[in-house]
């Protein structure tokens, strides 16, 4: 069985996250009462037991911005005690005048491989995170992303389809930095108009070799583990980007709202297997190992 690096998972303490500890508000992934609690590394390890996961990359969970280093320090303590995770993507505020003081602090933690500031914006207010669709090419964001190369950090570039043209501009401006597109560009549904815009968006990245994509979070909008949707995304991203620029991520515990880890991995294995052993090795191991150095 092909071994796996899970390139996108979370753990958390409820008290650290206002969106979990405060009153429930509409979320992009629907009703979330079942995960409005602590989700420790022990539960993640139990959830993925038997799935073939041998390494994992933690991705920031939106602690209060000013506590970005505290989140990183906690993850390092977890890794010291449990051996997991093997790398992490931290938070840094790319909209400040100069992000380097934050990056200087992050570089002191050996598990940090990159940063994420969520820049996705959508016409549907419930799907928005960024204050504006064009924040991805805001002058301060562009300047700060340009500084990542001096730290060897990746940037998780989370966008919707209509933002990808601007996103490609940011990627092209920074050829020395690796960018990772979470959730394969956040395909909302399989309606023809939606898939057309999504494919056109991904095509802007096709010629940019420093752009990678995570096959993660594909149940976010469907609120289910949908093998048909997973196969559609796998087939099209391989066509447009190539398997050597793709990596699997579970997005647990979000996906735990509607499926088990084993069922999720089975759906991905089935979708990827049709593309052969080389694609399986790329998507489940090689790409993440190379990009996140695990």
C-alpha atoms as a PDB file:
ATOM      1  CA  UNK A   1       0.000   0.000   0.000  1.00  0.00           C
ATOM      2  CA  UNK A   2       1.271   3.462  -0.929  1.00  0.00           C
ATOM      3  CA  UNK A   3       2.413   5.284   2.205  1.00  0.00           C
ATOM      4  CA  UNK A   4       1.002   8.759   2.795  1.00  0.00           C
ATOM      5  CA  UNK A   5       2.048  12.203   3.928  1.00  0.00           C
ATOM      6  CA  UNK A   6      -1.005  14.132   5.097  1.00  0.00           C
ATOM      7  CA  UNK A   7      -0.098  17.658   4.006  1.00  0.00           C
ATOM      8  CA  UNK A   8      -3.034  19.483   5.614  1.00  0.00           C
ATOM      9  CA  UNK A   9      -4.456  18.656   9.034  1.00  0.00           C
ATOM     10  CA  UNK A  10      -5.262  20.551  12.219  1.00  0.00           C
ATOM     11  CA  UNK A  11      -5.317  20.007  15.940  1.00  0.00           C
ATOM     12  CA  UNK A  12      -6.578  22.560  18.425  1.00  0.00           C
ATOM     13  CA  UNK A  13      -7.563  23.588  21.906  1.00  0.00           C
ATOM     14  CA  UNK A  14     -11.034  25.118  21.910  1.00  0.00           C
ATOM     15  CA  UNK A  15     -10.060  27.904  24.307  1.00  0.00           C
ATOM     16  CA  UNK A  16      -7.542  29.284  21.798  1.00  0.00           C
ATOM     17  CA  UNK A  17      -9.983  29.759  18.928  1.00  0.00           C
ATOM     18  CA  UNK A  18     -12.666  32.421  19.085  1.00  0.00           C
ATOM     19  CA  UNK A  19     -14.586  30.809  16.212  1.00  0.00           C
ATOM     20  CA  UNK A  20     -14.869  27.611  18.275  1.00  0.00           C
ATOM     21  CA  UNK A  21     -15.309  28.975  21.770  1.00  0.00           C
ATOM     22  CA  UNK A  22     -17.689  31.834  20.972  1.00  0.00           C
ATOM     23  CA  UNK A  23     -21.307  31.627  19.818  1.00  0.00           C
ATOM     24  CA  UNK A  24     -21.741  29.460  16.703  1.00  0.00           C
ATOM     25  CA  UNK A  25     -21.875  31.453  13.477  1.00  0.00           C
ATOM     26  CA  UNK A  26     -22.470  30.238   9.900  1.00  0.00           C
ATOM     27  CA  UNK A  27     -19.376  28.500   8.569  1.00  0.00           C
ATOM     28  CA  UNK A  28     -18.276  27.505   5.104  1.00  0.00           C
ATOM     29  CA  UNK A  29     -18.440  23.842   6.134  1.00  0.00           C
ATOM     30  CA  UNK A  30     -21.888  23.961   7.688  1.00  0.00           C
ATOM     31  CA  UNK A  31     -22.940  22.916  11.186  1.00  0.00           C
ATOM     32  CA  UNK A  32     -19.886  22.249  13.308  1.00  0.00           C
ATOM     33  CA  UNK A  33     -21.114  21.504  16.822  1.00  0.00           C
ATOM     34  CA  UNK A  34     -19.345  18.139  16.738  1.00  0.00           C
ATOM     35  CA  UNK A  35     -15.904  19.786  16.540  1.00  0.00           C
ATOM     36  CA  UNK A  36     -16.508  22.733  18.893  1.00  0.00           C
ATOM     37  CA  UNK A  37     -14.175  21.093  21.394  1.00  0.00           C
ATOM     38  CA  UNK A  38     -10.543  20.142  21.821  1.00  0.00           C
ATOM     39  CA  UNK A  39      -9.119  18.040  18.995  1.00  0.00           C
ATOM     40  CA  UNK A  40      -5.753  16.763  20.299  1.00  0.00           C
ATOM     41  CA  UNK A  41      -3.006  14.934  18.463  1.00  0.00           C
ATOM     42  CA  UNK A  42      -4.011  11.681  20.168  1.00  0.00           C
ATOM     43  CA  UNK A  43      -7.437  11.815  18.535  1.00  0.00           C
ATOM     44  CA  UNK A  44      -5.963  12.620  15.127  1.00  0.00           C
ATOM     45  CA  UNK A  45      -3.586   9.659  15.408  1.00  0.00           C
ATOM     46  CA  UNK A  46      -6.490   7.405  16.346  1.00  0.00           C
ATOM     47  CA  UNK A  47      -8.583   8.759  13.468  1.00  0.00           C
ATOM     48  CA  UNK A  48      -5.913   8.079  10.844  1.00  0.00           C
ATOM     49  CA  UNK A  49      -4.692   4.741  12.229  1.00  0.00           C
ATOM     50  CA  UNK A  50      -4.676   2.165   9.447  1.00  0.00           C
ATOM     51  CA  UNK A  51      -4.904   4.748   6.650  1.00  0.00           C
ATOM     52  CA  UNK A  52      -1.221   4.466   5.746  1.00  0.00           C
ATOM     53  CA  UNK A  53      -0.278   7.936   6.999  1.00  0.00           C
ATOM     54  CA  UNK A  54       3.342   8.013   8.123  1.00  0.00           C
ATOM     55  CA  UNK A  55       3.952  11.778   8.304  1.00  0.00           C
ATOM     56  CA  UNK A  56       1.794  14.884   8.570  1.00  0.00           C
ATOM     57  CA  UNK A  57       1.968  18.650   8.132  1.00  0.00           C
ATOM     58  CA  UNK A  58       0.008  20.847  10.548  1.00  0.00           C
ATOM     59  CA  UNK A  59      -1.629  23.989   9.135  1.00  0.00           C
ATOM     60  CA  UNK A  60      -2.516  27.023  11.296  1.00  0.00           C
ATOM     61  CA  UNK A  61      -6.019  27.238  12.721  1.00  0.00           C
ATOM     62  CA  UNK A  62      -6.606  30.979  13.115  1.00  0.00           C
ATOM     63  CA  UNK A  63      -5.590  31.680  16.663  1.00  0.00           C
ATOM     64  CA  UNK A  64      -5.799  35.430  17.442  1.00  0.00           C
ATOM     65  CA  UNK A  65      -3.255  37.055  15.121  1.00  0.00           C
ATOM     66  CA  UNK A  66      -1.130  38.448  17.927  1.00  0.00           C
ATOM     67  CA  UNK A  67      -0.703  34.920  19.349  1.00  0.00           C
ATOM     68  CA  UNK A  68       0.797  33.455  16.148  1.00  0.00           C
ATOM     69  CA  UNK A  69       4.040  32.480  17.887  1.00  0.00           C
ATOM     70  CA  UNK A  70       2.201  30.878  20.804  1.00  0.00           C
ATOM     71  CA  UNK A  71       0.461  28.533  18.359  1.00  0.00           C
ATOM     72  CA  UNK A  72       3.803  27.543  16.859  1.00  0.00           C
ATOM     73  CA  UNK A  73       5.378  26.970  20.269  1.00  0.00           C
ATOM     74  CA  UNK A  74       2.451  24.758  21.308  1.00  0.00           C
ATOM     75  CA  UNK A  75       2.753  22.635  18.165  1.00  0.00           C
ATOM     76  CA  UNK A  76       6.459  22.173  18.828  1.00  0.00           C
ATOM     77  CA  UNK A  77       5.647  20.971  22.347  1.00  0.00           C
ATOM     78  CA  UNK A  78       3.094  18.525  20.915  1.00  0.00           C
ATOM     79  CA  UNK A  79       5.666  17.233  18.423  1.00  0.00           C
ATOM     80  CA  UNK A  80       8.289  16.831  21.125  1.00  0.00           C
ATOM     81  CA  UNK A  81       5.905  14.736  23.205  1.00  0.00           C
ATOM     82  CA  UNK A  82       4.234  12.677  20.458  1.00  0.00           C
ATOM     83  CA  UNK A  83       6.526  12.751  17.419  1.00  0.00           C
ATOM     84  CA  UNK A  84       3.744  14.401  15.363  1.00  0.00           C
ATOM     85  CA  UNK A  85       3.489  16.585  13.318  1.00  0.00           C
ATOM     86  CA  UNK A  86       6.622  16.520  11.182  1.00  0.00           C
ATOM     87  CA  UNK A  87       6.316  20.050   9.790  1.00  0.00           C
ATOM     88  CA  UNK A  88       3.942  22.986  10.063  1.00  0.00           C
ATOM     89  CA  UNK A  89       2.550  25.965   8.190  1.00  0.00           C
ATOM     90  CA  UNK A  90       2.285  28.902  10.587  1.00  0.00           C
ATOM     91  CA  UNK A  91       0.351  32.151  10.446  1.00  0.00           C
ATOM     92  CA  UNK A  92       1.924  35.478   9.508  1.00  0.00           C
ATOM     93  CA  UNK A  93       0.076  38.708   8.788  1.00  0.00           C
ATOM     94  CA  UNK A  94       1.084  39.600   5.246  1.00  0.00           C
ATOM     95  CA  UNK A  95      -0.992  42.804   5.308  1.00  0.00           C
ATOM     96  CA  UNK A  96       1.248  44.662   7.773  1.00  0.00           C
ATOM     97  CA  UNK A  97       3.848  47.198   6.664  1.00  0.00           C
ATOM     98  CA  UNK A  98       6.716  44.738   7.193  1.00  0.00           C
ATOM     99  CA  UNK A  99       6.214  41.065   8.069  1.00  0.00           C
ATOM    100  CA  UNK A 100       9.894  40.398   8.738  1.00  0.00           C
ATOM    101  CA  UNK A 101       9.708  40.783  12.541  1.00  0.00           C
ATOM    102  CA  UNK A 102       7.108  37.991  12.549  1.00  0.00           C
ATOM    103  CA  UNK A 103       9.162  35.829  10.187  1.00  0.00           C
ATOM    104  CA  UNK A 104      12.262  36.386  12.332  1.00  0.00           C
ATOM    105  CA  UNK A 105      10.379  34.871  15.260  1.00  0.00           C
ATOM    106  CA  UNK A 106       9.037  31.967  13.205  1.00  0.00           C
ATOM    107  CA  UNK A 107      12.448  30.997  11.871  1.00  0.00           C
ATOM    108  CA  UNK A 108      13.460  30.015  15.427  1.00  0.00           C
ATOM    109  CA  UNK A 109      11.128  27.005  15.251  1.00  0.00           C
ATOM    110  CA  UNK A 110      12.534  24.127  13.193  1.00  0.00           C
ATOM    111  CA  UNK A 111       9.171  22.626  12.197  1.00  0.00           C
ATOM    112  CA  UNK A 112       8.024  25.781  10.395  1.00  0.00           C
ATOM    113  CA  UNK A 113       8.225  25.335   6.627  1.00  0.00           C
ATOM    114  CA  UNK A 114       5.924  28.107   5.500  1.00  0.00           C
ATOM    115  CA  UNK A 115       3.096  30.470   6.313  1.00  0.00           C
ATOM    116  CA  UNK A 116      -0.560  30.905   5.456  1.00  0.00           C
ATOM    117  CA  UNK A 117      -2.755  33.976   5.526  1.00  0.00           C
ATOM    118  CA  UNK A 118      -6.129  33.115   4.041  1.00  0.00           C
ATOM    119  CA  UNK A 119      -6.868  35.433   1.110  1.00  0.00           C
ATOM    120  CA  UNK A 120      -9.972  33.762  -0.298  1.00  0.00           C
ATOM    121  CA  UNK A 121     -12.977  35.936  -1.162  1.00  0.00           C
ATOM    122  CA  UNK A 122     -16.284  34.945  -2.722  1.00  0.00           C
ATOM    123  CA  UNK A 123     -19.503  36.637  -3.794  1.00  0.00           C
ATOM    124  CA  UNK A 124     -21.274  34.558  -1.141  1.00  0.00           C
ATOM    125  CA  UNK A 125     -20.555  36.334   2.180  1.00  0.00           C
ATOM    126  CA  UNK A 126     -20.561  33.028   4.036  1.00  0.00           C
ATOM    127  CA  UNK A 127     -17.596  31.858   1.966  1.00  0.00           C
ATOM    128  CA  UNK A 128     -15.460  34.968   2.473  1.00  0.00           C
ATOM    129  CA  UNK A 129     -12.363  35.340   4.571  1.00  0.00           C
ATOM    130  CA  UNK A 130     -10.387  38.203   3.017  1.00  0.00           C
ATOM    131  CA  UNK A 131     -11.802  41.745   3.143  1.00  0.00           C
ATOM    132  CA  UNK A 132     -11.605  42.093  -0.643  1.00  0.00           C
ATOM    133  CA  UNK A 133     -11.106  39.863  -3.666  1.00  0.00           C
ATOM    134  CA  UNK A 134      -7.951  41.711  -4.723  1.00  0.00           C
ATOM    135  CA  UNK A 135      -6.145  41.560  -1.371  1.00  0.00           C
ATOM    136  CA  UNK A 136      -3.931  38.944  -3.009  1.00  0.00           C
ATOM    137  CA  UNK A 137      -2.288  41.739  -5.034  1.00  0.00           C
ATOM    138  CA  UNK A 138      -2.416  44.423  -2.342  1.00  0.00           C
ATOM    139  CA  UNK A 139       0.892  46.316  -2.308  1.00  0.00           C
ATOM    140  CA  UNK A 140       1.738  45.310   1.264  1.00  0.00           C
ATOM    141  CA  UNK A 141       0.857  41.671   0.671  1.00  0.00           C
ATOM    142  CA  UNK A 142       2.990  41.578  -2.465  1.00  0.00           C
ATOM    143  CA  UNK A 143       5.946  43.186  -0.687  1.00  0.00           C
ATOM    144  CA  UNK A 144       5.734  40.803   2.251  1.00  0.00           C
ATOM    145  CA  UNK A 145       5.325  37.701   0.108  1.00  0.00           C
ATOM    146  CA  UNK A 146       8.432  38.856  -1.735  1.00  0.00           C
ATOM    147  CA  UNK A 147      10.349  38.627   1.547  1.00  0.00           C
ATOM    148  CA  UNK A 148       9.611  34.928   2.086  1.00  0.00           C
ATOM    149  CA  UNK A 149      12.470  33.809  -0.161  1.00  0.00           C
ATOM    150  CA  UNK A 150      14.965  35.151   2.373  1.00  0.00           C
ATOM    151  CA  UNK A 151      13.580  32.716   4.938  1.00  0.00           C
ATOM    152  CA  UNK A 152      13.058  29.696   2.704  1.00  0.00           C
ATOM    153  CA  UNK A 153       9.357  29.679   3.625  1.00  0.00           C
ATOM    154  CA  UNK A 154       6.525  28.496   1.390  1.00  0.00           C
ATOM    155  CA  UNK A 155       3.236  30.393   1.111  1.00  0.00           C
ATOM    156  CA  UNK A 156      -0.130  28.633   1.269  1.00  0.00           C
ATOM    157  CA  UNK A 157      -2.144  30.688  -1.242  1.00  0.00           C
ATOM    158  CA  UNK A 158      -5.817  30.047  -0.480  1.00  0.00           C
ATOM    159  CA  UNK A 159      -8.054  31.429  -3.260  1.00  0.00           C
ATOM    160  CA  UNK A 160     -11.264  30.911  -5.183  1.00  0.00           C
ATOM    161  CA  UNK A 161     -11.296  30.554  -8.971  1.00  0.00           C
ATOM    162  CA  UNK A 162     -11.990  34.194  -9.841  1.00  0.00           C
ATOM    163  CA  UNK A 163      -8.946  35.278  -7.805  1.00  0.00           C
ATOM    164  CA  UNK A 164      -6.525  32.914  -9.512  1.00  0.00           C
ATOM    165  CA  UNK A 165      -5.471  35.292 -12.287  1.00  0.00           C
ATOM    166  CA  UNK A 166      -4.253  37.737  -9.632  1.00  0.00           C
ATOM    167  CA  UNK A 167      -2.823  34.840  -7.670  1.00  0.00           C
ATOM    168  CA  UNK A 168      -0.786  33.757 -10.683  1.00  0.00           C
ATOM    169  CA  UNK A 169       0.642  37.265 -10.870  1.00  0.00           C
ATOM    170  CA  UNK A 170       1.839  36.943  -7.272  1.00  0.00           C
ATOM    171  CA  UNK A 171       3.357  33.520  -7.952  1.00  0.00           C
ATOM    172  CA  UNK A 172       5.095  34.706 -11.109  1.00  0.00           C
ATOM    173  CA  UNK A 173       6.621  37.665  -9.266  1.00  0.00           C
ATOM    174  CA  UNK A 174       8.267  35.302  -6.778  1.00  0.00           C
ATOM    175  CA  UNK A 175       9.923  32.438  -8.667  1.00  0.00           C
ATOM    176  CA  UNK A 176      12.200  31.607  -5.724  1.00  0.00           C
ATOM    177  CA  UNK A 177       9.246  30.878  -3.414  1.00  0.00           C
ATOM    178  CA  UNK A 178       7.083  27.769  -3.506  1.00  0.00           C
ATOM    179  CA  UNK A 179       3.339  28.460  -3.348  1.00  0.00           C
ATOM    180  CA  UNK A 180       0.721  25.890  -2.345  1.00  0.00           C
ATOM    181  CA  UNK A 181      -2.940  26.192  -3.350  1.00  0.00           C
ATOM    182  CA  UNK A 182      -5.026  24.669  -0.515  1.00  0.00           C
ATOM    183  CA  UNK A 183      -8.103  22.618  -1.299  1.00  0.00           C
ATOM    184  CA  UNK A 184      -7.300  22.587  -5.034  1.00  0.00           C
ATOM    185  CA  UNK A 185      -8.735  26.064  -5.445  1.00  0.00           C
ATOM    186  CA  UNK A 186     -11.949  25.506  -3.470  1.00  0.00           C
ATOM    187  CA  UNK A 187     -14.337  24.191  -6.127  1.00  0.00           C
ATOM    188  CA  UNK A 188     -17.803  25.070  -4.805  1.00  0.00           C
ATOM    189  CA  UNK A 189     -19.879  22.636  -6.898  1.00  0.00           C
ATOM    190  CA  UNK A 190     -19.933  20.723 -10.190  1.00  0.00           C
ATOM    191  CA  UNK A 191     -22.247  23.058 -12.081  1.00  0.00           C
ATOM    192  CA  UNK A 192     -20.876  23.760 -15.600  1.00  0.00           C
ATOM    193  CA  UNK A 193     -20.378  27.490 -14.977  1.00  0.00           C
ATOM    194  CA  UNK A 194     -18.509  26.777 -11.737  1.00  0.00           C
ATOM    195  CA  UNK A 195     -16.228  24.102 -13.168  1.00  0.00           C
ATOM    196  CA  UNK A 196     -15.455  26.220 -16.229  1.00  0.00           C
ATOM    197  CA  UNK A 197     -14.306  29.142 -14.063  1.00  0.00           C
ATOM    198  CA  UNK A 198     -12.311  26.792 -11.843  1.00  0.00           C
ATOM    199  CA  UNK A 199     -10.477  25.164 -14.748  1.00  0.00           C
ATOM    200  CA  UNK A 200      -9.763  28.549 -16.286  1.00  0.00           C
ATOM    201  CA  UNK A 201      -8.416  29.732 -12.952  1.00  0.00           C
ATOM    202  CA  UNK A 202      -6.126  26.729 -12.539  1.00  0.00           C
ATOM    203  CA  UNK A 203      -4.871  27.204 -16.089  1.00  0.00           C
ATOM    204  CA  UNK A 204      -3.280  30.500 -15.016  1.00  0.00           C
ATOM    205  CA  UNK A 205      -0.998  28.452 -12.750  1.00  0.00           C
ATOM    206  CA  UNK A 206      -0.162  25.716 -15.242  1.00  0.00           C
ATOM    207  CA  UNK A 207       2.957  27.449 -16.585  1.00  0.00           C
ATOM    208  CA  UNK A 208       4.281  28.388 -13.125  1.00  0.00           C
ATOM    209  CA  UNK A 209       6.439  25.546 -11.778  1.00  0.00           C
ATOM    210  CA  UNK A 210       6.606  26.993  -8.253  1.00  0.00           C
ATOM    211  CA  UNK A 211       2.840  26.553  -7.736  1.00  0.00           C
ATOM    212  CA  UNK A 212       1.663  23.324  -6.105  1.00  0.00           C
ATOM    213  CA  UNK A 213      -1.812  22.284  -5.035  1.00  0.00           C
ATOM    214  CA  UNK A 214      -3.284  20.312  -2.162  1.00  0.00           C
ATOM    215  CA  UNK A 215      -5.998  17.775  -2.865  1.00  0.00           C
ATOM    216  CA  UNK A 216      -7.661  18.581   0.433  1.00  0.00           C
ATOM    217  CA  UNK A 217     -10.915  19.872   1.834  1.00  0.00           C
ATOM    218  CA  UNK A 218     -12.962  18.706  -1.130  1.00  0.00           C
ATOM    219  CA  UNK A 219     -15.972  18.016   1.071  1.00  0.00           C
ATOM    220  CA  UNK A 220     -16.036  21.603   2.338  1.00  0.00           C
ATOM    221  CA  UNK A 221     -19.008  22.733   0.262  1.00  0.00           C
ATOM    222  CA  UNK A 222     -20.715  19.386  -0.405  1.00  0.00           C
ATOM    223  CA  UNK A 223     -20.577  18.472   3.292  1.00  0.00           C
ATOM    224  CA  UNK A 224     -19.908  14.844   2.425  1.00  0.00           C
ATOM    225  CA  UNK A 225     -17.210  12.502   1.202  1.00  0.00           C
ATOM    226  CA  UNK A 226     -18.044  12.468  -2.526  1.00  0.00           C
ATOM    227  CA  UNK A 227     -15.929  10.073  -4.634  1.00  0.00           C
ATOM    228  CA  UNK A 228     -17.332  11.582  -7.851  1.00  0.00           C
ATOM    229  CA  UNK A 229     -16.212  15.073  -6.839  1.00  0.00           C
ATOM    230  CA  UNK A 230     -12.831  13.817  -5.675  1.00  0.00           C
ATOM    231  CA  UNK A 231     -12.297  11.999  -8.975  1.00  0.00           C
ATOM    232  CA  UNK A 232     -13.276  15.098 -10.937  1.00  0.00           C
ATOM    233  CA  UNK A 233     -10.780  17.268  -9.055  1.00  0.00           C
ATOM    234  CA  UNK A 234      -8.012  14.663  -9.259  1.00  0.00           C
ATOM    235  CA  UNK A 235      -8.512  14.115 -12.999  1.00  0.00           C
ATOM    236  CA  UNK A 236      -8.548  17.818 -13.827  1.00  0.00           C
ATOM    237  CA  UNK A 237      -5.689  18.907 -11.596  1.00  0.00           C
ATOM    238  CA  UNK A 238      -3.478  16.144 -12.968  1.00  0.00           C
ATOM    239  CA  UNK A 239      -4.381  17.271 -16.484  1.00  0.00           C
ATOM    240  CA  UNK A 240      -3.666  20.939 -15.779  1.00  0.00           C
ATOM    241  CA  UNK A 241      -0.793  20.802 -13.294  1.00  0.00           C
ATOM    242  CA  UNK A 242       0.641  17.282 -13.382  1.00  0.00           C
ATOM    243  CA  UNK A 243       0.767  14.815 -10.511  1.00  0.00           C
ATOM    244  CA  UNK A 244       4.233  15.994  -9.472  1.00  0.00           C
ATOM    245  CA  UNK A 245       2.675  19.281  -8.308  1.00  0.00           C
ATOM    246  CA  UNK A 246      -0.143  17.714  -6.286  1.00  0.00           C
ATOM    247  CA  UNK A 247      -0.320  16.418  -2.719  1.00  0.00           C
ATOM    248  CA  UNK A 248      -2.971  14.791  -0.545  1.00  0.00           C
ATOM    249  CA  UNK A 249      -4.298  16.457   2.615  1.00  0.00           C
ATOM    250  CA  UNK A 250      -7.082  15.237   4.908  1.00  0.00           C
ATOM    251  CA  UNK A 251      -8.230  18.590   6.333  1.00  0.00           C
ATOM    252  CA  UNK A 252      -9.115  16.706   9.511  1.00  0.00           C
ATOM    253  CA  UNK A 253     -11.019  17.265  11.737  1.00  0.00           C
ATOM    254  CA  UNK A 254     -13.206  19.351   9.381  1.00  0.00           C
ATOM    255  CA  UNK A 255     -13.845  16.358   7.116  1.00  0.00           C
ATOM    256  CA  UNK A 256     -14.618  14.341  10.246  1.00  0.00           C
ATOM    257  CA  UNK A 257     -17.954  16.156  10.300  1.00  0.00           C
ATOM    258  CA  UNK A 258     -19.178  13.845   7.525  1.00  0.00           C
ATOM    259  CA  UNK A 259     -16.733  10.965   7.055  1.00  0.00           C
ATOM    260  CA  UNK A 260     -14.006   8.848   8.597  1.00  0.00           C
ATOM    261  CA  UNK A 261     -10.341   9.176   7.742  1.00  0.00           C
ATOM    262  CA  UNK A 262     -10.290   5.656   6.290  1.00  0.00           C
ATOM    263  CA  UNK A 263     -13.272   6.357   4.024  1.00  0.00           C
ATOM    264  CA  UNK A 264     -11.730   9.643   2.882  1.00  0.00           C
ATOM    265  CA  UNK A 265      -8.398   8.052   2.027  1.00  0.00           C
ATOM    266  CA  UNK A 266     -10.167   5.211   0.199  1.00  0.00           C
ATOM    267  CA  UNK A 267     -11.954   7.731  -2.021  1.00  0.00           C
ATOM    268  CA  UNK A 268      -8.668   9.449  -2.874  1.00  0.00           C
ATOM    269  CA  UNK A 269      -6.863   6.157  -3.454  1.00  0.00           C
ATOM    270  CA  UNK A 270      -9.568   5.093  -5.882  1.00  0.00           C
ATOM    271  CA  UNK A 271      -9.405   8.388  -7.786  1.00  0.00           C
ATOM    272  CA  UNK A 272      -5.623   8.485  -8.016  1.00  0.00           C
ATOM    273  CA  UNK A 273      -5.094   4.776  -8.780  1.00  0.00           C
ATOM    274  CA  UNK A 274      -6.504   5.226 -12.295  1.00  0.00           C
ATOM    275  CA  UNK A 275      -3.538   7.461 -13.081  1.00  0.00           C
ATOM    276  CA  UNK A 276      -0.902   4.868 -12.231  1.00  0.00           C
ATOM    277  CA  UNK A 277       1.810   4.189  -9.680  1.00  0.00           C
ATOM    278  CA  UNK A 278       3.831   7.298 -10.493  1.00  0.00           C
ATOM    279  CA  UNK A 279       0.862   9.565  -9.759  1.00  0.00           C
ATOM    280  CA  UNK A 280       0.172   7.679  -6.529  1.00  0.00           C
ATOM    281  CA  UNK A 281       3.762   8.173  -5.387  1.00  0.00           C
ATOM    282  CA  UNK A 282       3.649  11.872  -6.258  1.00  0.00           C
ATOM    283  CA  UNK A 283       0.308  12.716  -4.687  1.00  0.00           C
ATOM    284  CA  UNK A 284       0.567  10.643  -1.555  1.00  0.00           C
ATOM    285  CA  UNK A 285       4.245  11.204  -0.788  1.00  0.00           C
ATOM    286  CA  UNK A 286       6.797  12.771  -3.145  1.00  0.00           C
ATOM    287  CA  UNK A 287       5.332  16.249  -3.642  1.00  0.00           C
ATOM    288  CA  UNK A 288       4.679  16.941   0.027  1.00  0.00           C
ATOM    289  CA  UNK A 289       8.046  15.496   1.000  1.00  0.00           C
ATOM    290  CA  UNK A 290       9.770  17.851  -1.434  1.00  0.00           C
ATOM    291  CA  UNK A 291       7.775  21.022  -0.783  1.00  0.00           C
ATOM    292  CA  UNK A 292       7.547  20.735   3.014  1.00  0.00           C
ATOM    293  CA  UNK A 293      10.886  18.944   3.472  1.00  0.00           C
ATOM    294  CA  UNK A 294       9.609  16.027   5.526  1.00  0.00           C
END
